[in-house]
Each structure stands twice: as structure tokens, then as C-alpha cells.
């Protein structure tokens, strides 16, 4: 039996897009309750590739960002938006 997936433990460096991408992929995957294997299957990628993305080990192609975004049901650009910036935009919209 596998352990329940856990989300990221810290916010990424907003200047490091690989860390930002890793943060969102892991967070969204865990929110769906998916394993890395399930996400890989949904994206038609290898599980070890998804693992490397979540550990900021790969420069990910735009095509694969699109695949990940489609599987996670989000806009591709949102996977590259630093979390602090995303939260600030939501707060700004609430105040408008």
C-alpha cells in the first residue's frame, strides 16, 4: 500500500521557473489525490519524468508543460506563475 501523497513543504523561489513549475505540479497532483504514476499516465509521460519535474531536475519543454496543464485542468501559463504573485492577483481581484 502506498503512502498518501503530500504537497510541497515550502514556497518556491519566484525567480526559478523550474521550482515554480515543480511546486504547482506537485500541489495540483496532490489536490487531485493522484500518484506520480497516475499523472504520468494522464499526460502520456514516464513516471520518472514527472518525478524529475517535481524535483526541479529538468528543463521542461513547452509541449510537456501543456500536457501537464491539460491533465491537471489548468491553464499552462498558471504553472509558471509564482504562488505569491498568484495570491496577490486573487486578493487584488477581490478588492476590485
N, C-alpha and C. Protein backbone atom coordinates (compact mmCIF):
# COMPACT_ATOMS: atom_id res chain seq x y z
N UNK A 1 0.85 -1.16 0.00
CA UNK A 1 0.00 0.00 0.00
C UNK A 1 0.90 1.24 0.00
N UNK A 2 0.58 2.23 -0.85
CA UNK A 2 1.41 3.42 -0.93
C UNK A 2 0.91 4.49 0.03
N UNK A 3 1.84 5.36 0.43
CA UNK A 3 1.51 6.44 1.34
C UNK A 3 0.70 7.51 0.61
N UNK A 4 -0.10 8.24 1.38
CA UNK A 4 -0.88 9.33 0.80
C UNK A 4 0.09 10.42 0.35
N UNK A 5 -0.09 10.93 -0.89
CA UNK A 5 0.83 11.96 -1.37
C UNK A 5 0.72 13.22 -0.53
N UNK A 6 1.86 13.90 -0.34
CA UNK A 6 1.86 15.15 0.41
C UNK A 6 2.31 16.29 -0.49
N UNK A 7 1.78 17.45 -0.22
CA UNK A 7 2.07 18.62 -1.03
C UNK A 7 3.44 19.20 -0.75
N UNK A 8 3.77 20.28 -1.45
CA UNK A 8 5.06 20.93 -1.23
C UNK A 8 5.15 21.45 0.20
N UNK A 9 6.35 21.46 0.74
CA UNK A 9 6.56 21.90 2.12
C UNK A 9 7.01 23.35 2.22
N UNK A 10 7.38 23.95 1.09
CA UNK A 10 7.80 25.36 1.10
C UNK A 10 7.48 26.00 -0.23
N UNK A 11 7.41 27.32 -0.21
CA UNK A 11 7.17 28.06 -1.45
C UNK A 11 8.43 28.07 -2.29
N UNK A 12 8.29 28.08 -3.60
CA UNK A 12 9.47 28.10 -4.47
C UNK A 12 10.08 29.49 -4.57
N UNK A 13 11.31 29.55 -5.01
CA UNK A 13 11.96 30.82 -5.32
C UNK A 13 11.22 31.37 -6.55
N UNK A 14 10.61 32.55 -6.45
CA UNK A 14 9.82 33.07 -7.59
C UNK A 14 10.66 33.37 -8.82
N UNK A 15 11.98 33.46 -8.68
CA UNK A 15 12.85 33.71 -9.82
C UNK A 15 13.33 32.43 -10.50
N UNK A 16 12.95 31.27 -9.97
CA UNK A 16 13.37 29.99 -10.51
C UNK A 16 12.14 29.28 -11.08
N UNK A 17 11.96 29.37 -12.40
CA UNK A 17 10.75 28.81 -13.02
C UNK A 17 10.65 27.30 -12.85
N UNK A 18 11.78 26.61 -12.79
CA UNK A 18 11.71 25.15 -12.57
C UNK A 18 11.12 24.85 -11.20
N UNK A 19 11.52 25.64 -10.18
CA UNK A 19 10.95 25.44 -8.84
C UNK A 19 9.47 25.78 -8.81
N UNK A 20 9.09 26.86 -9.50
CA UNK A 20 7.68 27.27 -9.56
C UNK A 20 6.85 26.16 -10.22
N UNK A 21 7.32 25.66 -11.35
CA UNK A 21 6.63 24.57 -12.04
C UNK A 21 6.52 23.34 -11.14
N UNK A 22 7.61 22.98 -10.49
CA UNK A 22 7.61 21.82 -9.60
C UNK A 22 6.58 21.99 -8.48
N UNK A 23 6.53 23.18 -7.91
CA UNK A 23 5.59 23.48 -6.83
C UNK A 23 4.15 23.24 -7.29
N UNK A 24 3.77 23.84 -8.42
CA UNK A 24 2.39 23.73 -8.89
C UNK A 24 2.04 22.31 -9.31
N UNK A 25 2.95 21.63 -10.00
CA UNK A 25 2.65 20.26 -10.45
C UNK A 25 2.39 19.38 -9.24
N UNK A 26 3.26 19.47 -8.24
CA UNK A 26 3.08 18.63 -7.05
C UNK A 26 1.81 19.01 -6.29
N UNK A 27 1.61 20.31 -6.07
CA UNK A 27 0.44 20.76 -5.33
C UNK A 27 -0.86 20.32 -6.01
N UNK A 28 -0.97 20.55 -7.29
CA UNK A 28 -2.19 20.21 -8.02
C UNK A 28 -2.39 18.70 -8.11
N UNK A 29 -1.29 17.96 -8.28
CA UNK A 29 -1.38 16.50 -8.32
C UNK A 29 -1.90 15.96 -6.99
N UNK A 30 -1.35 16.48 -5.90
CA UNK A 30 -1.76 16.02 -4.57
C UNK A 30 -3.22 16.40 -4.30
N UNK A 31 -3.62 17.60 -4.72
CA UNK A 31 -5.01 18.02 -4.53
C UNK A 31 -5.98 17.08 -5.24
N UNK A 32 -5.54 16.52 -6.37
CA UNK A 32 -6.38 15.56 -7.08
C UNK A 32 -6.31 14.17 -6.45
N UNK A 33 -5.37 13.98 -5.53
CA UNK A 33 -5.20 12.67 -4.91
C UNK A 33 -4.50 11.67 -5.80
N UNK A 34 -3.76 12.19 -6.79
CA UNK A 34 -3.08 11.34 -7.76
C UNK A 34 -1.66 11.01 -7.34
N UNK A 35 -1.22 9.85 -7.71
CA UNK A 35 0.19 9.48 -7.59
C UNK A 35 0.94 10.07 -8.80
N UNK A 36 2.25 10.07 -8.72
CA UNK A 36 3.04 10.50 -9.88
C UNK A 36 2.75 9.59 -11.07
N UNK A 37 2.55 8.33 -10.79
CA UNK A 37 2.25 7.37 -11.86
C UNK A 37 0.94 7.72 -12.57
N UNK A 38 -0.07 8.10 -11.80
CA UNK A 38 -1.36 8.46 -12.39
C UNK A 38 -1.22 9.72 -13.25
N UNK A 39 -0.51 10.73 -12.73
CA UNK A 39 -0.31 11.95 -13.51
C UNK A 39 0.44 11.63 -14.79
N UNK A 40 1.47 10.82 -14.69
CA UNK A 40 2.25 10.43 -15.87
C UNK A 40 1.37 9.74 -16.90
N UNK A 41 0.50 8.87 -16.44
CA UNK A 41 -0.41 8.18 -17.35
C UNK A 41 -1.34 9.18 -18.04
N UNK A 42 -1.88 10.12 -17.28
CA UNK A 42 -2.79 11.12 -17.84
C UNK A 42 -2.09 12.00 -18.88
N UNK A 43 -0.78 12.24 -18.68
CA UNK A 43 0.00 13.10 -19.59
C UNK A 43 0.68 12.32 -20.70
N UNK A 44 0.64 11.00 -20.61
CA UNK A 44 1.39 10.13 -21.51
C UNK A 44 2.89 10.43 -21.44
N UNK A 45 3.38 10.57 -20.19
CA UNK A 45 4.80 10.76 -19.91
C UNK A 45 5.23 9.64 -18.98
N UNK A 46 6.53 9.49 -18.81
CA UNK A 46 7.07 8.48 -17.90
C UNK A 46 7.00 8.98 -16.46
N UNK A 47 6.74 8.08 -15.52
CA UNK A 47 6.66 8.47 -14.11
C UNK A 47 7.97 9.09 -13.62
N UNK A 48 9.09 8.59 -14.09
CA UNK A 48 10.37 9.15 -13.65
C UNK A 48 10.55 10.58 -14.15
N UNK A 49 9.94 10.89 -15.29
CA UNK A 49 9.97 12.26 -15.82
C UNK A 49 9.16 13.17 -14.91
N UNK A 50 7.97 12.74 -14.53
CA UNK A 50 7.13 13.54 -13.62
C UNK A 50 7.87 13.75 -12.30
N UNK A 51 8.50 12.72 -11.80
CA UNK A 51 9.27 12.84 -10.57
C UNK A 51 10.39 13.87 -10.71
N UNK A 52 11.09 13.83 -11.83
CA UNK A 52 12.19 14.79 -12.07
C UNK A 52 11.65 16.22 -12.19
N UNK A 53 10.49 16.39 -12.79
CA UNK A 53 9.87 17.72 -12.88
C UNK A 53 9.55 18.23 -11.48
N UNK A 54 8.98 17.38 -10.65
CA UNK A 54 8.62 17.77 -9.29
C UNK A 54 9.85 18.04 -8.42
N UNK A 55 11.00 17.56 -8.81
CA UNK A 55 12.23 17.83 -8.07
C UNK A 55 13.09 18.90 -8.74
N UNK A 56 12.53 19.58 -9.74
CA UNK A 56 13.21 20.66 -10.47
C UNK A 56 14.48 20.19 -11.16
N UNK A 57 14.47 18.98 -11.68
CA UNK A 57 15.66 18.41 -12.31
C UNK A 57 15.72 18.61 -13.82
N UNK A 58 14.60 18.94 -14.45
CA UNK A 58 14.54 19.03 -15.91
C UNK A 58 14.13 20.42 -16.36
N UNK A 59 14.69 20.84 -17.50
CA UNK A 59 14.14 21.97 -18.24
C UNK A 59 13.01 21.36 -19.07
N UNK A 60 11.81 21.74 -18.77
CA UNK A 60 10.63 21.12 -19.37
C UNK A 60 10.25 21.86 -20.64
N UNK A 61 9.96 21.12 -21.69
CA UNK A 61 9.54 21.73 -22.95
C UNK A 61 8.14 22.33 -22.81
N UNK A 62 7.84 23.29 -23.67
CA UNK A 62 6.50 23.88 -23.67
C UNK A 62 5.43 22.83 -23.94
N UNK A 63 5.73 21.89 -24.80
CA UNK A 63 4.77 20.82 -25.11
C UNK A 63 4.44 20.02 -23.87
N UNK A 64 5.44 19.73 -23.05
CA UNK A 64 5.18 18.95 -21.84
C UNK A 64 4.50 19.78 -20.77
N UNK A 65 4.76 21.09 -20.73
CA UNK A 65 4.02 21.96 -19.81
C UNK A 65 2.54 21.94 -20.20
N UNK A 66 2.27 21.98 -21.50
CA UNK A 66 0.88 21.91 -21.97
C UNK A 66 0.24 20.58 -21.58
N UNK A 67 0.97 19.49 -21.71
CA UNK A 67 0.44 18.17 -21.34
C UNK A 67 0.11 18.11 -19.85
N UNK A 68 1.04 18.60 -19.04
CA UNK A 68 0.83 18.60 -17.59
C UNK A 68 -0.38 19.47 -17.24
N UNK A 69 -0.46 20.66 -17.83
CA UNK A 69 -1.56 21.57 -17.55
C UNK A 69 -2.91 20.96 -17.94
N UNK A 70 -2.94 20.33 -19.10
CA UNK A 70 -4.19 19.72 -19.56
C UNK A 70 -4.63 18.62 -18.59
N UNK A 71 -3.70 17.79 -18.17
CA UNK A 71 -4.04 16.72 -17.23
C UNK A 71 -4.50 17.27 -15.88
N UNK A 72 -3.89 18.38 -15.46
CA UNK A 72 -4.23 18.99 -14.17
C UNK A 72 -5.40 19.96 -14.27
N UNK A 73 -5.89 20.16 -15.50
CA UNK A 73 -7.05 21.02 -15.75
C UNK A 73 -6.82 22.48 -15.35
N UNK A 74 -5.65 23.00 -15.76
CA UNK A 74 -5.31 24.41 -15.52
C UNK A 74 -4.72 24.99 -16.80
N UNK A 75 -4.64 26.31 -16.86
CA UNK A 75 -4.00 26.97 -18.00
C UNK A 75 -2.49 26.76 -17.91
N UNK A 76 -1.84 26.48 -19.03
CA UNK A 76 -0.39 26.23 -18.99
C UNK A 76 0.41 27.35 -18.32
N UNK A 77 0.06 28.62 -18.59
CA UNK A 77 0.81 29.73 -18.00
C UNK A 77 0.73 29.74 -16.48
N UNK A 78 -0.36 29.21 -15.93
CA UNK A 78 -0.52 29.24 -14.47
C UNK A 78 0.51 28.38 -13.75
N UNK A 79 1.06 27.40 -14.45
CA UNK A 79 2.09 26.54 -13.84
C UNK A 79 3.42 27.26 -13.68
N UNK A 80 3.55 28.43 -14.32
CA UNK A 80 4.80 29.20 -14.24
C UNK A 80 4.62 30.50 -13.45
N UNK A 81 3.45 30.68 -12.87
CA UNK A 81 3.14 31.89 -12.11
C UNK A 81 3.53 31.66 -10.64
N UNK A 82 4.49 32.43 -10.12
CA UNK A 82 4.90 32.22 -8.72
C UNK A 82 3.70 32.30 -7.78
N UNK A 83 3.62 31.44 -6.77
CA UNK A 83 2.47 31.40 -5.88
C UNK A 83 2.17 32.73 -5.20
N UNK A 84 3.18 33.47 -4.74
CA UNK A 84 2.94 34.74 -4.08
C UNK A 84 2.25 35.70 -5.05
N UNK A 85 2.69 35.70 -6.29
CA UNK A 85 2.11 36.58 -7.30
C UNK A 85 0.67 36.15 -7.59
N UNK A 86 0.43 34.87 -7.67
CA UNK A 86 -0.91 34.36 -7.93
C UNK A 86 -1.85 34.76 -6.79
N UNK A 87 -1.39 34.65 -5.55
CA UNK A 87 -2.21 35.02 -4.40
C UNK A 87 -2.49 36.52 -4.39
N UNK A 88 -1.50 37.34 -4.76
CA UNK A 88 -1.67 38.79 -4.81
C UNK A 88 -2.71 39.16 -5.87
N UNK A 89 -2.71 38.48 -7.00
CA UNK A 89 -3.68 38.76 -8.06
C UNK A 89 -5.09 38.42 -7.61
N UNK A 90 -5.25 37.33 -6.88
CA UNK A 90 -6.57 36.94 -6.37
C UNK A 90 -7.05 37.99 -5.38
N UNK A 91 -6.17 38.43 -4.48
CA UNK A 91 -6.55 39.46 -3.50
C UNK A 91 -6.92 40.76 -4.19
N UNK A 92 -6.18 41.13 -5.22
CA UNK A 92 -6.45 42.34 -5.98
C UNK A 92 -7.82 42.27 -6.63
N UNK A 93 -8.18 41.12 -7.17
CA UNK A 93 -9.49 40.95 -7.82
C UNK A 93 -10.61 41.03 -6.79
N UNK A 94 -10.37 40.51 -5.58
CA UNK A 94 -11.39 40.54 -4.53
C UNK A 94 -11.70 41.98 -4.12
N UNK A 95 -10.67 42.83 -4.11
CA UNK A 95 -10.83 44.22 -3.67
C UNK A 95 -11.44 45.09 -4.76
N UNK A 96 -11.44 44.64 -6.00
CA UNK A 96 -11.99 45.43 -7.11
C UNK A 96 -13.49 45.46 -7.12
